[in-house]
PDB file of N, CA and C in Angstrom:
ATOM      1  N   UNK A   1      26.389 128.830 -92.013  1.00  0.00           N
ATOM      2  CA  UNK A   1      26.391 127.568 -92.613  1.00  0.00           C
ATOM      3  C   UNK A   1      25.841 127.640 -93.975  1.00  0.00           C
ATOM      4  N   UNK A   2      26.392 126.667 -94.761  1.00  0.00           N
ATOM      5  CA  UNK A   2      25.910 126.664 -96.188  1.00  0.00           C
ATOM      6  C   UNK A   2      24.776 125.771 -96.416  1.00  0.00           C
ATOM      7  N   UNK A   3      24.236 125.687 -97.606  1.00  0.00           N
ATOM      8  CA  UNK A   3      23.137 124.802 -97.907  1.00  0.00           C
ATOM      9  C   UNK A   3      23.577 123.406 -97.910  1.00  0.00           C
ATOM     10  N   UNK A   4      22.595 122.497 -97.630  1.00  0.00           N
ATOM     11  CA  UNK A   4      22.903 121.020 -97.515  1.00  0.00           C
ATOM     12  C   UNK A   4      23.130 120.493 -98.882  1.00  0.00           C
ATOM     13  N   UNK A   5      24.119 119.696 -99.089  1.00  0.00           N
ATOM     14  CA  UNK A   5      24.432 119.074-100.363  1.00  0.00           C
ATOM     15  C   UNK A   5      24.479 117.599-100.137  1.00  0.00           C
ATOM     16  N   UNK A   6      23.705 116.779-100.931  1.00  0.00           N
ATOM     17  CA  UNK A   6      23.745 115.354-100.813  1.00  0.00           C
ATOM     18  C   UNK A   6      25.045 114.820-101.266  1.00  0.00           C
ATOM     19  N   UNK A   7      25.594 113.772-100.548  1.00  0.00           N
ATOM     20  CA  UNK A   7      26.920 113.221-101.000  1.00  0.00           C
ATOM     21  C   UNK A   7      26.692 111.922-101.667  1.00  0.00           C
ATOM     22  N   UNK A   8      25.599 111.686-102.371  1.00  0.00           N
ATOM     23  CA  UNK A   8      25.391 110.446-103.080  1.00  0.00           C
ATOM     24  C   UNK A   8      25.229 110.812-104.576  1.00  0.00           C
ATOM     25  N   UNK A   9      25.302 109.814-105.393  1.00  0.00           N
ATOM     26  CA  UNK A   9      25.141 110.044-106.884  1.00  0.00           C
ATOM     27  C   UNK A   9      23.723 109.754-107.308  1.00  0.00           C
ATOM     28  N   UNK A  10      22.824 109.546-106.347  1.00  0.00           N
ATOM     29  CA  UNK A  10      21.471 109.172-106.750  1.00  0.00           C
ATOM     30  C   UNK A  10      20.683 110.447-107.442  1.00  0.00           C
ATOM     31  N   UNK A  11      19.834 110.110-108.265  1.00  0.00           N
ATOM     32  CA  UNK A  11      19.049 111.186-108.968  1.00  0.00           C
ATOM     33  C   UNK A  11      17.789 111.495-107.984  1.00  0.00           C
ATOM     34  N   UNK A  12      17.312 112.637-108.192  1.00  0.00           N
ATOM     35  CA  UNK A  12      16.015 112.975-107.373  1.00  0.00           C
ATOM     36  C   UNK A  12      14.911 112.246-108.072  1.00  0.00           C
ATOM     37  N   UNK A  13      13.803 112.036-107.344  1.00  0.00           N
ATOM     38  CA  UNK A  13      12.684 111.348-107.823  1.00  0.00           C
ATOM     39  C   UNK A  13      12.125 112.010-109.135  1.00  0.00           C
ATOM     40  N   UNK A  14      12.127 113.280-109.164  1.00  0.00           N
ATOM     41  CA  UNK A  14      11.547 114.021-110.332  1.00  0.00           C
ATOM     42  C   UNK A  14      12.464 113.845-111.554  1.00  0.00           C
ATOM     43  N   UNK A  15      13.716 113.568-111.359  1.00  0.00           N
ATOM     44  CA  UNK A  15      14.607 113.469-112.481  1.00  0.00           C
ATOM     45  C   UNK A  15      14.716 112.053-113.048  1.00  0.00           C
ATOM     46  N   UNK A  16      14.019 111.036-112.345  1.00  0.00           N
ATOM     47  CA  UNK A  16      14.149 109.651-112.853  1.00  0.00           C
ATOM     48  C   UNK A  16      13.089 109.458-113.913  1.00  0.00           C
ATOM     49  N   UNK A  17      13.364 108.430-114.833  1.00  0.00           N
ATOM     50  CA  UNK A  17      12.425 108.113-115.835  1.00  0.00           C
ATOM     51  C   UNK A  17      12.320 106.580-115.765  1.00  0.00           C
ATOM     52  N   UNK A  18      11.091 106.223-115.846  1.00  0.00           N
ATOM     53  CA  UNK A  18      10.659 104.736-115.731  1.00  0.00           C
ATOM     54  C   UNK A  18      10.237 104.237-117.051  1.00  0.00           C
ATOM     55  N   UNK A  19      10.563 103.023-117.330  1.00  0.00           N
ATOM     56  CA  UNK A  19      10.094 102.338-118.566  1.00  0.00           C
ATOM     57  C   UNK A  19       9.689 100.954-118.188  1.00  0.00           C
ATOM     58  N   UNK A  20       8.769 100.386-118.930  1.00  0.00           N
ATOM     59  CA  UNK A  20       8.240  99.023-118.748  1.00  0.00           C
ATOM     60  C   UNK A  20       8.461  98.273-120.009  1.00  0.00           C
ATOM     61  N   UNK A  21       9.060  97.099-119.926  1.00  0.00           N
ATOM     62  CA  UNK A  21       9.270  96.291-121.049  1.00  0.00           C
ATOM     63  C   UNK A  21       8.495  94.968-121.008  1.00  0.00           C
ATOM     64  N   UNK A  22       7.882  94.565-121.974  1.00  0.00           N
ATOM     65  CA  UNK A  22       7.103  93.310-121.954  1.00  0.00           C
ATOM     66  C   UNK A  22       7.992  92.128-122.032  1.00  0.00           C
ATOM     67  N   UNK A  23       7.673  91.086-121.374  1.00  0.00           N
ATOM     68  CA  UNK A  23       8.335  89.819-121.452  1.00  0.00           C
ATOM     69  C   UNK A  23       7.411  88.798-122.128  1.00  0.00           C
ATOM     70  N   UNK A  24       7.736  88.417-123.218  1.00  0.00           N
ATOM     71  CA  UNK A  24       6.955  87.349-123.991  1.00  0.00           C
ATOM     72  C   UNK A  24       7.308  85.968-123.587  1.00  0.00           C
ATOM     73  N   UNK A  25       6.230  85.244-123.127  1.00  0.00           N
ATOM     74  CA  UNK A  25       6.469  83.899-122.806  1.00  0.00           C
ATOM     75  C   UNK A  25       5.583  83.017-123.499  1.00  0.00           C
ATOM     76  N   UNK A  26       5.862  81.624-123.538  1.00  0.00           N
ATOM     77  CA  UNK A  26       5.011  80.749-124.212  1.00  0.00           C
ATOM     78  C   UNK A  26       3.689  80.497-123.401  1.00  0.00           C
ATOM     79  N   UNK A  27       2.642  80.163-124.079  1.00  0.00           N
ATOM     80  CA  UNK A  27       1.367  79.879-123.451  1.00  0.00           C
ATOM     81  C   UNK A  27       1.519  78.803-122.498  1.00  0.00           C
ATOM     82  N   UNK A  28       0.783  78.769-121.433  1.00  0.00           N
ATOM     83  CA  UNK A  28       0.933  77.659-120.486  1.00  0.00           C
ATOM     84  C   UNK A  28       0.347  76.380-121.017  1.00  0.00           C
ATOM     85  N   UNK A  29       0.865  75.257-120.572  1.00  0.00           N
ATOM     86  CA  UNK A  29       0.487  73.941-121.052  1.00  0.00           C
ATOM     87  C   UNK A  29      -0.851  73.613-120.216  1.00  0.00           C
ATOM     88  N   UNK A  30      -1.973  73.812-120.795  1.00  0.00           N
ATOM     89  CA  UNK A  30      -3.171  73.516-120.067  1.00  0.00           C
ATOM     90  C   UNK A  30      -3.447  72.065-119.705  1.00  0.00           C
ATOM     91  N   UNK A  31      -2.860  71.118-120.462  1.00  0.00           N
ATOM     92  CA  UNK A  31      -3.070  69.715-120.183  1.00  0.00           C
ATOM     93  C   UNK A  31      -2.304  69.468-118.782  1.00  0.00           C
ATOM     94  N   UNK A  32      -1.032  70.039-118.618  1.00  0.00           N
ATOM     95  CA  UNK A  32      -0.300  69.798-117.414  1.00  0.00           C
ATOM     96  C   UNK A  32      -0.986  70.444-116.260  1.00  0.00           C
ATOM     97  N   UNK A  33      -1.543  71.681-116.389  1.00  0.00           N
ATOM     98  CA  UNK A  33      -2.131  72.388-115.339  1.00  0.00           C
ATOM     99  C   UNK A  33      -3.427  71.673-114.888  1.00  0.00           C
ATOM    100  N   UNK A  34      -4.175  71.060-115.849  1.00  0.00           N
ATOM    101  CA  UNK A  34      -5.409  70.364-115.538  1.00  0.00           C
ATOM    102  C   UNK A  34      -5.033  69.038-114.700  1.00  0.00           C
ATOM    103  N   UNK A  35      -4.007  68.468-115.151  1.00  0.00           N
ATOM    104  CA  UNK A  35      -3.582  67.177-114.521  1.00  0.00           C
ATOM    105  C   UNK A  35      -3.129  67.502-113.002  1.00  0.00           C
ATOM    106  N   UNK A  36      -2.333  68.602-112.805  1.00  0.00           N
ATOM    107  CA  UNK A  36      -1.934  68.943-111.499  1.00  0.00           C
ATOM    108  C   UNK A  36      -3.167  69.301-110.643  1.00  0.00           C
ATOM    109  N   UNK A  37      -4.135  70.081-111.207  1.00  0.00           N
ATOM    110  CA  UNK A  37      -5.307  70.377-110.452  1.00  0.00           C
ATOM    111  C   UNK A  37      -6.162  69.157-110.042  1.00  0.00           C
ATOM    112  N   UNK A  38      -6.208  68.188-110.904  1.00  0.00           N
ATOM    113  CA  UNK A  38      -6.926  67.008-110.642  1.00  0.00           C
ATOM    114  C   UNK A  38      -6.190  66.254-109.523  1.00  0.00           C
ATOM    115  N   UNK A  39      -4.899  66.113-109.612  1.00  0.00           N
ATOM    116  CA  UNK A  39      -4.162  65.399-108.550  1.00  0.00           C
ATOM    117  C   UNK A  39      -4.369  66.010-107.192  1.00  0.00           C
ATOM    118  N   UNK A  40      -4.193  67.345-107.183  1.00  0.00           N
ATOM    119  CA  UNK A  40      -4.426  68.015-105.951  1.00  0.00           C
ATOM    120  C   UNK A  40      -5.786  67.824-105.317  1.00  0.00           C
ATOM    121  N   UNK A  41      -6.781  67.883-106.192  1.00  0.00           N
ATOM    122  CA  UNK A  41      -8.045  67.693-105.719  1.00  0.00           C
ATOM    123  C   UNK A  41      -8.320  66.231-105.109  1.00  0.00           C
ATOM    124  N   UNK A  42      -7.845  65.323-105.841  1.00  0.00           N
ATOM    125  CA  UNK A  42      -7.929  63.917-105.440  1.00  0.00           C
ATOM    126  C   UNK A  42      -7.188  63.732-104.044  1.00  0.00           C
ATOM    127  N   UNK A  43      -6.069  64.391-103.842  1.00  0.00           N
ATOM    128  CA  UNK A  43      -5.222  64.273-102.629  1.00  0.00           C
ATOM    129  C   UNK A  43      -6.014  64.835-101.469  1.00  0.00           C
ATOM    130  N   UNK A  44      -6.621  66.128-101.667  1.00  0.00           N
ATOM    131  CA  UNK A  44      -7.397  66.658-100.654  1.00  0.00           C
ATOM    132  C   UNK A  44      -8.632  65.884-100.297  1.00  0.00           C
ATOM    133  N   UNK A  45      -9.188  65.281-101.281  1.00  0.00           N
ATOM    134  CA  UNK A  45     -10.457  64.419-101.104  1.00  0.00           C
ATOM    135  C   UNK A  45     -10.038  63.275-100.258  1.00  0.00           C
ATOM    136  N   UNK A  46      -8.932  62.662-100.535  1.00  0.00           N
ATOM    137  CA  UNK A  46      -8.441  61.490 -99.698  1.00  0.00           C
ATOM    138  C   UNK A  46      -8.080  61.933 -98.367  1.00  0.00           C
ATOM    139  N   UNK A  47      -7.487  63.003 -98.187  1.00  0.00           N
ATOM    140  CA  UNK A  47      -7.181  63.414 -96.794  1.00  0.00           C
ATOM    141  C   UNK A  47      -8.397  63.724 -96.036  1.00  0.00           C
ATOM    142  N   UNK A  48      -9.378  64.397 -96.561  1.00  0.00           N
ATOM    143  CA  UNK A  48     -10.688  64.674 -95.856  1.00  0.00           C
ATOM    144  C   UNK A  48     -11.397  63.455 -95.592  1.00  0.00           C
ATOM    145  N   UNK A  49     -11.335  62.432 -96.426  1.00  0.00           N
ATOM    146  CA  UNK A  49     -12.061  61.157 -96.185  1.00  0.00           C
ATOM    147  C   UNK A  49     -11.346  60.471 -94.980  1.00  0.00           C
ATOM    148  N   UNK A  50     -10.011  60.491 -95.045  1.00  0.00           N
ATOM    149  CA  UNK A  50      -9.361  59.834 -93.835  1.00  0.00           C
ATOM    150  C   UNK A  50      -9.723  60.561 -92.506  1.00  0.00           C
ATOM    151  N   UNK A  51      -9.815  61.836 -92.558  1.00  0.00           N
ATOM    152  CA  UNK A  51     -10.189  62.676 -91.254  1.00  0.00           C
ATOM    153  C   UNK A  51     -11.603  62.287 -90.913  1.00  0.00           C
ATOM    154  N   UNK A  52     -12.449  62.211 -91.872  1.00  0.00           N
ATOM    155  CA  UNK A  52     -13.865  61.864 -91.477  1.00  0.00           C
ATOM    156  C   UNK A  52     -13.907  60.446 -90.949  1.00  0.00           C
ATOM    157  N   UNK A  53     -13.295  59.522 -91.542  1.00  0.00           N
ATOM    158  CA  UNK A  53     -13.338  58.085 -91.097  1.00  0.00           C
ATOM    159  C   UNK A  53     -12.712  57.965 -89.684  1.00  0.00           C
ATOM    160  N   UNK A  54     -11.646  58.750 -89.461  1.00  0.00           N
ATOM    161  CA  UNK A  54     -11.048  58.566 -88.079  1.00  0.00           C
ATOM    162  C   UNK A  54     -11.925  59.258 -86.986  1.00  0.00           C
ATOM    163  N   UNK A  55     -12.782  60.198 -87.331  1.00  0.00           N
ATOM    164  CA  UNK A  55     -13.660  60.842 -86.389  1.00  0.00           C
ATOM    165  C   UNK A  55     -14.887  60.015 -86.038  1.00  0.00           C
ATOM    166  N   UNK A  56     -15.380  59.200 -87.008  1.00  0.00           N
ATOM    167  CA  UNK A  56     -16.578  58.368 -86.714  1.00  0.00           C
ATOM    168  C   UNK A  56     -16.166  57.030 -86.061  1.00  0.00           C
ATOM    169  N   UNK A  57     -17.080  56.482 -85.260  1.00  0.00           N
ATOM    170  CA  UNK A  57     -16.845  55.192 -84.683  1.00  0.00           C
ATOM    171  C   UNK A  57     -16.712  54.167 -85.598  1.00  0.00           C
ATOM    172  N   UNK A  58     -16.019  53.012 -85.397  1.00  0.00           N
ATOM    173  CA  UNK A  58     -15.951  51.909 -86.299  1.00  0.00           C
ATOM    174  C   UNK A  58     -17.299  51.170 -86.415  1.00  0.00           C
ATOM    175  N   UNK A  59     -17.471  50.474 -87.509  1.00  0.00           N
ATOM    176  CA  UNK A  59     -18.716  49.773 -87.866  1.00  0.00           C
ATOM    177  C   UNK A  59     -18.912  48.634 -86.800  1.00  0.00           C
ATOM    178  N   UNK A  60     -17.966  48.006 -86.284  1.00  0.00           N
ATOM    179  CA  UNK A  60     -18.037  46.875 -85.276  1.00  0.00           C
ATOM    180  C   UNK A  60     -18.259  47.278 -83.887  1.00  0.00           C
ATOM    181  N   UNK A  61     -18.313  48.614 -83.686  1.00  0.00           N
ATOM    182  CA  UNK A  61     -18.495  49.233 -82.223  1.00  0.00           C
ATOM    183  C   UNK A  61     -19.893  48.892 -81.788  1.00  0.00           C
ATOM    184  N   UNK A  62     -19.970  48.382 -80.607  1.00  0.00           N
ATOM    185  CA  UNK A  62     -21.241  48.260 -79.916  1.00  0.00           C
ATOM    186  C   UNK A  62     -21.067  48.774 -78.489  1.00  0.00           C
ATOM    187  N   UNK A  63     -22.159  49.358 -78.030  1.00  0.00           N
ATOM    188  CA  UNK A  63     -22.151  49.927 -76.643  1.00  0.00           C
ATOM    189  C   UNK A  63     -22.175  48.764 -75.679  1.00  0.00           C
ATOM    190  N   UNK A  64     -21.626  48.908 -74.506  1.00  0.00           N
ATOM    191  CA  UNK A  64     -21.565  47.809 -73.494  1.00  0.00           C
ATOM    192  C   UNK A  64     -22.958  47.304 -73.176  1.00  0.00           C
ATOM    193  N   UNK A  65     -23.923  48.167 -73.016  1.00  0.00           N
ATOM    194  CA  UNK A  65     -25.326  47.806 -72.573  1.00  0.00           C
ATOM    195  C   UNK A  65     -25.949  46.966 -73.681  1.00  0.00           C
ATOM    196  N   UNK A  66     -25.690  47.269 -74.869  1.00  0.00           N
ATOM    197  CA  UNK A  66     -26.317  46.600 -76.064  1.00  0.00           C
ATOM    198  C   UNK A  66     -25.616  45.219 -76.342  1.00  0.00           C
ATOM    199  N   UNK A  67     -24.403  45.176 -76.059  1.00  0.00           N
ATOM    200  CA  UNK A  67     -23.633  44.026 -76.477  1.00  0.00           C
ATOM    201  C   UNK A  67     -23.760  42.847 -75.505  1.00  0.00           C
ATOM    202  N   UNK A  68     -24.178  43.092 -74.314  1.00  0.00           N
ATOM    203  CA  UNK A  68     -24.203  41.989 -73.311  1.00  0.00           C
ATOM    204  C   UNK A  68     -25.593  41.553 -72.972  1.00  0.00           C
ATOM    205  N   UNK A  69     -26.173  40.567 -73.755  1.00  0.00           N
ATOM    206  CA  UNK A  69     -27.480  40.129 -73.474  1.00  0.00           C
ATOM    207  C   UNK A  69     -27.525  39.274 -72.147  1.00  0.00           C
ATOM    208  N   UNK A  70     -26.470  38.578 -71.823  1.00  0.00           N
ATOM    209  CA  UNK A  70     -26.349  37.884 -70.587  1.00  0.00           C
ATOM    210  C   UNK A  70     -25.021  38.101 -69.967  1.00  0.00           C
ATOM    211  N   UNK A  71     -25.001  37.794 -68.716  1.00  0.00           N
ATOM    212  CA  UNK A  71     -23.767  38.182 -67.944  1.00  0.00           C
ATOM    213  C   UNK A  71     -22.513  37.395 -68.584  1.00  0.00           C
ATOM    214  N   UNK A  72     -22.695  36.163 -69.003  1.00  0.00           N
ATOM    215  CA  UNK A  72     -21.618  35.357 -69.566  1.00  0.00           C
ATOM    216  C   UNK A  72     -21.346  35.521 -71.048  1.00  0.00           C
ATOM    217  N   UNK A  73     -22.256  36.339 -71.606  1.00  0.00           N
ATOM    218  CA  UNK A  73     -22.196  36.538 -73.081  1.00  0.00           C
ATOM    219  C   UNK A  73     -22.853  35.499 -73.914  1.00  0.00           C
ATOM    220  N   UNK A  74     -23.593  34.649 -73.257  1.00  0.00           N
ATOM    221  CA  UNK A  74     -24.363  33.489 -73.884  1.00  0.00           C
ATOM    222  C   UNK A  74     -25.706  34.166 -74.302  1.00  0.00           C
ATOM    223  N   UNK A  75     -26.069  33.896 -75.638  1.00  0.00           N
ATOM    224  CA  UNK A  75     -27.346  34.408 -76.065  1.00  0.00           C
ATOM    225  C   UNK A  75     -28.360  33.254 -76.011  1.00  0.00           C
ATOM    226  N   UNK A  76     -29.536  33.576 -75.497  1.00  0.00           N
ATOM    227  CA  UNK A  76     -30.490  32.519 -75.457  1.00  0.00           C
ATOM    228  C   UNK A  76     -31.061  32.187 -76.775  1.00  0.00           C
ATOM    229  N   UNK A  77     -31.256  30.865 -77.052  1.00  0.00           N
ATOM    230  CA  UNK A  77     -31.785  30.487 -78.345  1.00  0.00           C
ATOM    231  C   UNK A  77     -33.316  30.781 -78.318  1.00  0.00           C
ATOM    232  N   UNK A  78     -33.929  30.733 -79.368  1.00  0.00           N
ATOM    233  CA  UNK A  78     -35.429  31.025 -79.316  1.00  0.00           C
ATOM    234  C   UNK A  78     -36.121  29.932 -78.568  1.00  0.00           C
ATOM    235  N   UNK A  79     -36.989  30.372 -77.758  1.00  0.00           N
ATOM    236  CA  UNK A  79     -37.777  29.435 -76.925  1.00  0.00           C
ATOM    237  C   UNK A  79     -37.112  29.192 -75.578  1.00  0.00           C
ATOM    238  N   UNK A  80     -35.826  29.516 -75.427  1.00  0.00           N
ATOM    239  CA  UNK A  80     -34.958  29.226 -74.258  1.00  0.00           C
ATOM    240  C   UNK A  80     -35.228  30.366 -73.270  1.00  0.00           C
ATOM    241  N   UNK A  81     -35.318  30.122 -71.948  1.00  0.00           N
ATOM    242  CA  UNK A  81     -35.543  31.084 -70.898  1.00  0.00           C
ATOM    243  C   UNK A  81     -34.178  31.539 -70.332  1.00  0.00           C
ATOM    244  N   UNK A  82     -34.272  32.795 -69.911  1.00  0.00           N
ATOM    245  CA  UNK A  82     -33.037  33.305 -69.262  1.00  0.00           C
ATOM    246  C   UNK A  82     -33.265  33.389 -67.774  1.00  0.00           C
ATOM    247  N   UNK A  83     -32.326  32.749 -67.056  1.00  0.00           N
ATOM    248  CA  UNK A  83     -32.498  32.683 -65.552  1.00  0.00           C
ATOM    249  C   UNK A  83     -31.576  33.653 -64.929  1.00  0.00           C
TER     250      UNK A  83
END
């Protein structure tokens, strides 16, 4: 048998030459970048505030034992006795 011969037109790695070309671009618009960063921060702050508020009990919540001074919900006035 003969020697193996590649049947492609590709070059060997040793025969390749690489070059790098710079791409010149305009400087970034710092005003727009800062505005986007501020908006993202405000959005995340709002979402975390919503999550915290949903996790805590509402301000008007009272436990059943504390909210019922009498069986009928009537609060005795000062000096009045509870029977």
